[in-house]
Amino acid sequence: MSAADGLLTLAEEAERLRDFTTATSCLDSALSPPHTASLLPLVEARARMCLAGLLLTRSKGLANAKAHLERALLVLNPLPSAPPCLNLLAHSLLANVYGLLGALPSQKHALYRSLSLLASASASGLLPLARPSSGPVTSRRSLPSHS
């Protein structure tokens, strides 16, 4: 087990114990230059997305969250084995960050990109099938009006 793997394990444990400061520190250390080289691309992308999520929810570190999400997407894009759900989540989080930063053209681009990924993943059958609902779906138009 490499030092980066140990740090990621510590981060998971700290997050499970709701010690978000320690989890953030461990993830930040695992993603620093000497340790990053030993991480597999999918592991690095997941760690960056986890760190970005912690930064967004706990410390309002928008610039750092944006940087980690952009780097996660750079790592994920060339990987044919990357799960589509992971790509979609990264784009969704990045669009959220762009919106919080007021970068609307970038947010719009990230959302269009995620819609394109969703369409291609759905067409190729890469997304899990949704479970059937327990009852019929009723549209608002078919509901009786309350007059």
Foldseek 3Di string as FASTA:
>chain_A
DDLLVVLCVQLVVCVVVVVLVSNLVSLVVCCDPVNVVPDDLVVQLVSLQVNLVSCVPPPVPLVSSLVSLVVSCVSPVVDPPDQLVSLLSSLVSNLVSCVVVVVVVSSVVSVVVSVVSVVVCVVVVRDDDDDDDPDDDDDPVPDDDDD
